[in-house]
Amino acid sequence: MNIGLDMMGGDFAPQEAVKGIRLYLSATDAPAMLFLTGDEEQITPLLKENDIPPEKVRVIHAPQVIGMDESPTKALKEKQQSSIAVGFHLLATGKTDAFISAGNTGAMLVGAMYSIKAIEGVQRPTISAVLPKDNGKTGLILDVGLNADCKPEHLNQFAILGSLYAKHILDIPNPRVGLLNIGEEEGKGNLLAQAAWPLLKENLEINFIGNI
C-alpha cells in the first residue's frame, strides 16, 4: 500500500509529522510506502535527523502551504503546488491509496469531494475519532469537525459509515448507534436531532439505540 502524508499540515509541522513517521515505522514490520508532500528543503534534513530509512519514504516537493485560516476552495484553486493539492493529485491519479493531513479540514473536504469524488450515494464526507470507554473498550464519535451544518440525511449516512468502520476496522460485530442529544427521550433536541431520530430508527442497516 502507498500512503500520502501531508507534511506541512497541523501544529509544529513538519517536525511532528516526522516524529509520527518514526513511531509508525518502529511499530510495524511491513510498513506502507509513504509519499511525503511538502517543502523538500525542510523535510529532508528532519528525515535524516530522525534516522528515517530513505527506502521507506518518498518526498514529493510541494512548496506551497494552505493555511488554517484560508478559504478552502480558493486556496486549492490558487495553490495547486500546495502539500494538500499535490497529495490529492497523487491519490486521484492512483499513485497512492490513501491521503492523510492534519491541516486545513475544509481543504480536505473540498479535495475529497472534487478531486477523488465520494462513493456513489454518499452526500458528504465525515471525520470520526476513536473514543475510549470506561469499560476499557472503544467507540466511535462522528462528525468531529468537518461539517458545520448537517441535514438529517447526512446524520443518517454518518451512522451507516460509522457502523461500517466500527464493524470492519474496530472489529465490533454489531455496533450500536446513538444520537448525541440533550436528553435520552424521543422528541428531545433541536430541529435537526428531532428530524434525524425517525430516519435512524427506520434504518435497517444500523443498530440504533436512541438518543444518548
Protein backbone atom coordinates (compact mmCIF):
# COMPACT_ATOMS: atom_id res chain seq x y z
CA MET A 1 0.00 0.00 0.00
CA ASN A 2 1.10 3.56 -0.75
CA ILE A 3 0.00 6.27 1.67
CA GLY A 4 0.29 10.00 1.03
CA LEU A 5 1.08 12.20 4.04
CA ASP A 6 0.82 15.99 4.15
CA MET A 7 3.97 17.02 5.99
CA MET A 8 3.04 20.69 6.26
CA GLY A 9 -0.35 20.43 7.99
CA GLY A 10 -1.04 20.62 11.70
CA ASP A 11 0.80 22.08 14.67
CA PHE A 12 4.61 22.16 14.58
CA ALA A 13 4.80 20.73 11.06
CA PRO A 14 6.84 19.18 9.60
CA GLN A 15 8.77 18.17 12.76
CA GLU A 16 5.84 16.41 14.44
CA ALA A 17 4.90 14.59 11.23
CA VAL A 18 8.42 13.19 11.00
CA LYS A 19 8.19 12.01 14.62
CA GLY A 20 4.95 10.27 13.71
CA ILE A 21 6.63 8.54 10.80
CA ARG A 22 9.39 7.31 13.09
CA LEU A 23 6.83 5.85 15.51
CA TYR A 24 4.90 4.22 12.68
CA LEU A 25 7.96 2.59 11.15
CA SER A 26 9.09 1.28 14.54
CA ALA A 27 5.70 -0.30 15.21
CA THR A 28 5.30 -2.43 12.08
CA ASP A 29 7.39 -4.99 10.24
CA ALA A 30 5.73 -4.35 6.88
CA PRO A 31 5.04 -0.62 6.63
CA ALA A 32 3.31 1.01 3.71
CA MET A 33 5.35 3.13 1.33
CA LEU A 34 4.96 6.75 2.44
CA PHE A 35 4.71 9.59 -0.07
CA LEU A 36 5.54 12.79 1.81
CA THR A 37 4.22 16.03 0.28
CA GLY A 38 5.73 19.31 1.39
CA ASP A 39 8.81 21.54 1.31
CA GLU A 40 11.70 19.22 0.48
CA GLU A 41 14.27 21.59 2.00
CA GLN A 42 12.55 21.37 5.38
CA ILE A 43 11.59 17.68 5.28
CA THR A 44 14.81 16.01 4.10
CA PRO A 45 17.09 17.19 6.96
CA LEU A 46 14.46 16.15 9.52
CA LEU A 47 14.24 12.67 8.00
CA LYS A 48 17.99 12.29 8.37
CA GLU A 49 17.98 13.61 11.94
CA ASN A 50 15.32 11.07 12.91
CA ASP A 51 17.04 8.15 11.14
CA ILE A 52 14.13 7.54 8.74
CA PRO A 53 15.28 4.91 6.19
CA PRO A 54 15.23 6.60 2.77
CA GLU A 55 13.86 3.47 1.12
CA LYS A 56 10.71 3.68 3.28
CA VAL A 57 9.64 7.14 2.14
CA ARG A 58 9.49 9.27 -0.96
CA VAL A 59 9.47 13.06 -0.71
CA ILE A 60 7.27 14.88 -3.24
CA HIS A 61 8.22 18.56 -3.30
CA ALA A 62 5.28 20.88 -2.72
CA PRO A 63 6.49 24.42 -2.00
CA GLN A 64 3.12 25.93 -1.05
CA VAL A 65 1.11 25.54 2.17
CA ILE A 66 -2.62 26.06 2.71
CA GLY A 67 -3.04 27.91 5.98
CA MET A 68 -5.67 27.02 8.55
CA ASP A 69 -7.41 30.36 8.04
CA GLU A 70 -7.60 30.25 4.24
CA SER A 71 -10.73 29.71 2.17
CA PRO A 72 -10.54 26.02 1.16
CA THR A 73 -11.95 26.30 -2.36
CA LYS A 74 -9.95 29.41 -3.21
CA ALA A 75 -6.76 28.02 -1.70
CA LEU A 76 -6.94 24.71 -3.59
CA LYS A 77 -7.59 26.59 -6.83
CA GLU A 78 -4.80 29.13 -6.38
CA LYS A 79 -2.25 26.91 -4.60
CA GLN A 80 -2.04 23.88 -6.85
CA GLN A 81 1.52 23.23 -5.64
CA SER A 82 0.45 23.08 -2.01
CA SER A 83 1.08 19.94 0.03
CA ILE A 84 -2.66 19.17 0.18
CA ALA A 85 -3.32 19.76 -3.53
CA VAL A 86 -0.32 17.64 -4.55
CA GLY A 87 -1.42 14.94 -2.11
CA PHE A 88 -4.88 14.76 -3.66
CA HIS A 89 -3.35 14.66 -7.13
CA LEU A 90 -1.31 11.61 -6.15
CA LEU A 91 -4.45 9.97 -4.79
CA ALA A 92 -6.63 10.85 -7.79
CA THR A 93 -4.07 9.50 -10.25
CA GLY A 94 -3.66 6.21 -8.40
CA LYS A 95 -0.10 6.80 -7.22
CA THR A 96 -1.27 6.50 -3.59
CA ASP A 97 -4.08 4.53 -2.00
CA ALA A 98 -4.85 6.97 0.82
CA PHE A 99 -4.02 10.55 1.80
CA ILE A 100 -3.70 11.90 5.34
CA SER A 101 -3.46 15.50 6.55
CA ALA A 102 -3.74 17.26 9.90
CA GLY A 103 -4.06 20.58 8.11
CA ASN A 104 -6.99 22.65 6.81
CA THR A 105 -10.03 20.36 7.18
CA GLY A 106 -12.07 22.48 4.78
CA ALA A 107 -9.45 21.92 2.09
CA MET A 108 -9.55 18.20 2.80
CA LEU A 109 -13.35 18.22 2.39
CA VAL A 110 -13.20 20.12 -0.89
CA GLY A 111 -10.34 17.95 -2.12
CA ALA A 112 -12.20 14.76 -1.28
CA MET A 113 -15.40 15.92 -2.98
CA TYR A 114 -13.84 17.29 -6.16
CA SER A 115 -10.50 15.51 -6.63
CA ILE A 116 -11.45 11.90 -5.95
CA LYS A 117 -15.28 12.14 -5.58
CA ALA A 118 -17.32 10.48 -2.88
CA ILE A 119 -18.56 6.90 -3.09
CA GLU A 120 -21.79 6.87 -5.07
CA GLY A 121 -24.67 7.75 -2.75
CA VAL A 122 -22.54 9.40 -0.07
CA GLN A 123 -23.57 13.04 0.19
CA ARG A 124 -20.83 14.34 2.46
CA PRO A 125 -17.60 13.01 3.98
CA THR A 126 -17.25 12.95 7.76
CA ILE A 127 -14.41 12.90 10.28
CA SER A 128 -14.52 10.34 13.07
CA ALA A 129 -12.48 9.90 16.24
CA VAL A 130 -11.94 6.81 18.35
CA LEU A 131 -13.47 7.37 21.79
CA PRO A 132 -12.22 5.46 24.85
CA LYS A 133 -14.96 3.98 27.04
CA ASP A 134 -14.99 3.36 30.79
CA ASN A 135 -15.21 -0.42 30.22
CA GLY A 136 -11.82 -0.42 28.51
CA LYS A 137 -13.24 -0.76 25.02
CA THR A 138 -13.51 1.86 22.33
CA GLY A 139 -16.29 3.57 20.44
CA LEU A 140 -16.50 5.99 17.55
CA ILE A 141 -17.80 9.55 17.53
CA LEU A 142 -18.63 11.45 14.35
CA ASP A 143 -18.74 14.04 12.96
CA VAL A 144 -15.92 15.78 14.83
CA GLY A 145 -15.22 18.91 12.87
CA LEU A 146 -15.68 18.55 9.13
CA ASN A 147 -19.30 19.67 8.74
CA ALA A 148 -20.59 22.80 10.46
CA ASP A 149 -24.17 22.34 9.25
CA CYS A 150 -25.81 18.99 8.53
CA LYS A 151 -29.14 17.76 7.28
CA PRO A 152 -30.95 14.78 8.86
CA GLU A 153 -29.97 12.68 5.83
CA HIS A 154 -26.32 13.45 6.49
CA LEU A 155 -26.53 12.19 10.08
CA ASN A 156 -28.28 9.05 8.85
CA GLN A 157 -25.43 8.41 6.41
CA PHE A 158 -22.83 9.14 9.09
CA ALA A 159 -24.48 6.43 11.18
CA ILE A 160 -24.05 3.91 8.36
CA LEU A 161 -20.45 4.93 7.68
CA GLY A 162 -19.60 4.82 11.38
CA SER A 163 -21.20 1.40 11.77
CA LEU A 164 -19.21 0.00 8.87
CA TYR A 165 -15.98 1.42 10.28
CA ALA A 166 -16.71 0.05 13.76
CA LYS A 167 -17.53 -3.37 12.34
CA HIS A 168 -14.70 -3.81 9.85
CA ILE A 169 -11.89 -1.76 11.42
CA LEU A 170 -12.61 -1.86 15.16
CA ASP A 171 -13.95 -5.46 14.99
CA ILE A 172 -17.22 -4.65 16.78
CA PRO A 173 -19.67 -7.31 15.47
CA ASN A 174 -22.94 -5.41 15.95
CA PRO A 175 -22.08 -1.79 16.76
CA ARG A 176 -24.77 0.25 18.48
CA VAL A 177 -25.62 3.70 17.15
CA GLY A 178 -26.72 6.53 19.41
CA LEU A 179 -27.76 10.06 18.52
CA LEU A 180 -25.88 12.56 20.69
CA ASN A 181 -28.58 14.79 22.17
CA ILE A 182 -29.55 16.90 25.19
CA GLY A 183 -31.74 14.11 26.57
CA GLU A 184 -32.44 10.41 26.11
CA GLU A 185 -36.17 10.69 25.45
CA GLU A 186 -37.59 10.63 21.94
CA GLY A 187 -38.50 14.11 20.76
CA LYS A 188 -35.63 15.84 22.56
CA GLY A 189 -33.19 18.19 20.87
CA ASN A 190 -33.14 20.80 18.17
CA LEU A 191 -34.92 20.51 14.84
CA LEU A 192 -32.01 18.58 13.31
CA ALA A 193 -31.99 15.95 16.05
CA GLN A 194 -35.77 15.63 16.00
CA ALA A 195 -35.79 15.10 12.23
CA ALA A 196 -32.83 12.68 12.28
CA TRP A 197 -34.32 10.42 15.01
CA PRO A 198 -37.04 8.75 12.84
CA LEU A 199 -34.60 8.25 9.97
CA LEU A 200 -32.20 6.44 12.28
CA LYS A 201 -34.98 4.41 13.87
CA GLU A 202 -36.23 3.19 10.47
CA ASN A 203 -32.74 2.45 9.14
CA LEU A 204 -32.39 -1.33 9.00
CA GLU A 205 -28.66 -1.12 8.22
CA ILE A 206 -27.76 0.06 11.73
CA ASN A 207 -28.40 -0.96 15.34
CA PHE A 208 -29.98 2.28 16.56
CA ILE A 209 -30.45 2.55 20.35
CA GLY A 210 -31.90 6.07 20.51
CA ASN A 211 -30.62 9.30 21.99
CA ILE A 212 -27.61 9.38 24.26
